[in-house]
Amino acid sequence: MQAISNLPKKQDRETIRCPYCGKMIFDGDVVKSRVLKVLADSIRAKCQCKNWVELPFIYRI
């Protein structure tokens, strides 16, 4: 687990928008979706337009 001081600054982190409707899904700090799909190799968020958007996270146990 990284200490908070080691994380990149918010302005350095990429924002993620839905490629279909343009809604912001991830603003650099918060995932703006109510539904997440956690898979072994990726995490996806469901947009308001009902499409799944890949997020740059990896779930580790």
C-alpha atoms as a PDB file:
ATOM      1  CA  MET A   1       0.000   0.000   0.000  1.00  0.00           C
ATOM      2  CA  GLN A   2       1.399   3.390  -0.979  1.00  0.00           C
ATOM      3  CA  ALA A   3       1.544   6.276   1.415  1.00  0.00           C
ATOM      4  CA  ILE A   4      -0.579   9.234   0.372  1.00  0.00           C
ATOM      5  CA  SER A   5       2.504  11.421  -0.050  1.00  0.00           C
ATOM      6  CA  ASN A   6       3.858   9.002  -2.701  1.00  0.00           C
ATOM      7  CA  LEU A   7       0.772   9.241  -4.928  1.00  0.00           C
ATOM      8  CA  PRO A   8       0.882  11.480  -8.000  1.00  0.00           C
ATOM      9  CA  LYS A   9      -0.746  14.892  -7.653  1.00  0.00           C
ATOM     10  CA  LYS A  10      -4.322  15.206  -8.892  1.00  0.00           C
ATOM     11  CA  GLN A  11      -3.363  17.335 -11.886  1.00  0.00           C
ATOM     12  CA  ASP A  12      -0.843  14.630 -12.930  1.00  0.00           C
ATOM     13  CA  ARG A  13      -3.477  11.864 -12.943  1.00  0.00           C
ATOM     14  CA  GLU A  14      -5.493  11.094 -16.034  1.00  0.00           C
ATOM     15  CA  THR A  15      -9.238  11.791 -16.139  1.00  0.00           C
ATOM     16  CA  ILE A  16     -11.346   9.121 -17.813  1.00  0.00           C
ATOM     17  CA  ARG A  17     -14.415   9.968 -19.918  1.00  0.00           C
ATOM     18  CA  CYS A  18     -16.912   7.662 -21.571  1.00  0.00           C
ATOM     19  CA  PRO A  19     -15.923   7.297 -25.251  1.00  0.00           C
ATOM     20  CA  TYR A  20     -19.607   7.084 -26.246  1.00  0.00           C
ATOM     21  CA  CYS A  21     -21.271  10.024 -24.449  1.00  0.00           C
ATOM     22  CA  GLY A  22     -18.341  12.007 -22.965  1.00  0.00           C
ATOM     23  CA  LYS A  23     -19.456  11.827 -19.312  1.00  0.00           C
ATOM     24  CA  MET A  24     -16.579  11.969 -16.818  1.00  0.00           C
ATOM     25  CA  ILE A  25     -16.153   8.576 -15.118  1.00  0.00           C
ATOM     26  CA  PHE A  26     -12.939   9.202 -13.138  1.00  0.00           C
ATOM     27  CA  ASP A  27     -11.740  12.704 -12.220  1.00  0.00           C
ATOM     28  CA  GLY A  28      -8.321  11.761 -10.841  1.00  0.00           C
ATOM     29  CA  ASP A  29      -9.586  11.153  -7.292  1.00  0.00           C
ATOM     30  CA  VAL A  30     -13.092   9.697  -7.394  1.00  0.00           C
ATOM     31  CA  VAL A  31     -14.855   7.163  -9.603  1.00  0.00           C
ATOM     32  CA  LYS A  32     -18.146   8.860 -10.562  1.00  0.00           C
ATOM     33  CA  SER A  33     -20.048   5.636 -11.189  1.00  0.00           C
ATOM     34  CA  ARG A  34     -22.367   3.641  -8.967  1.00  0.00           C
ATOM     35  CA  VAL A  35     -21.661   0.320 -10.647  1.00  0.00           C
ATOM     36  CA  LEU A  36     -18.179  -1.235 -10.870  1.00  0.00           C
ATOM     37  CA  LYS A  37     -17.240  -4.569 -12.406  1.00  0.00           C
ATOM     38  CA  VAL A  38     -14.109  -5.982 -10.761  1.00  0.00           C
ATOM     39  CA  LEU A  39     -12.426  -8.686 -12.826  1.00  0.00           C
ATOM     40  CA  ALA A  40      -9.130 -10.481 -12.349  1.00  0.00           C
ATOM     41  CA  ASP A  41      -7.336  -8.342 -14.937  1.00  0.00           C
ATOM     42  CA  SER A  42      -9.301  -5.062 -15.018  1.00  0.00           C
ATOM     43  CA  ILE A  43     -11.942  -2.842 -13.452  1.00  0.00           C
ATOM     44  CA  ARG A  44     -14.809  -1.358 -15.449  1.00  0.00           C
ATOM     45  CA  ALA A  45     -17.363   1.287 -14.522  1.00  0.00           C
ATOM     46  CA  LYS A  46     -20.855   1.491 -15.980  1.00  0.00           C
ATOM     47  CA  CYS A  47     -21.692   4.854 -17.520  1.00  0.00           C
ATOM     48  CA  GLN A  48     -25.130   6.509 -17.573  1.00  0.00           C
ATOM     49  CA  CYS A  49     -25.376   5.578 -21.263  1.00  0.00           C
ATOM     50  CA  LYS A  50     -25.180   1.878 -20.194  1.00  0.00           C
ATOM     51  CA  ASN A  51     -21.733   1.216 -21.681  1.00  0.00           C
ATOM     52  CA  TRP A  52     -18.810  -0.227 -19.720  1.00  0.00           C
ATOM     53  CA  VAL A  53     -15.689   1.962 -19.497  1.00  0.00           C
ATOM     54  CA  GLU A  54     -12.295   0.459 -18.609  1.00  0.00           C
ATOM     55  CA  LEU A  55     -10.511   2.109 -15.667  1.00  0.00           C
ATOM     56  CA  PRO A  56      -6.719   2.181 -15.153  1.00  0.00           C
ATOM     57  CA  PHE A  57      -6.836   0.149 -11.928  1.00  0.00           C
ATOM     58  CA  ILE A  58      -5.843  -3.401 -11.036  1.00  0.00           C
ATOM     59  CA  TYR A  59      -7.420  -5.313  -8.159  1.00  0.00           C
ATOM     60  CA  ARG A  60      -4.775  -7.063  -6.064  1.00  0.00           C
ATOM     61  CA  ILE A  61      -5.338  -9.429  -3.185  1.00  0.00           C
END
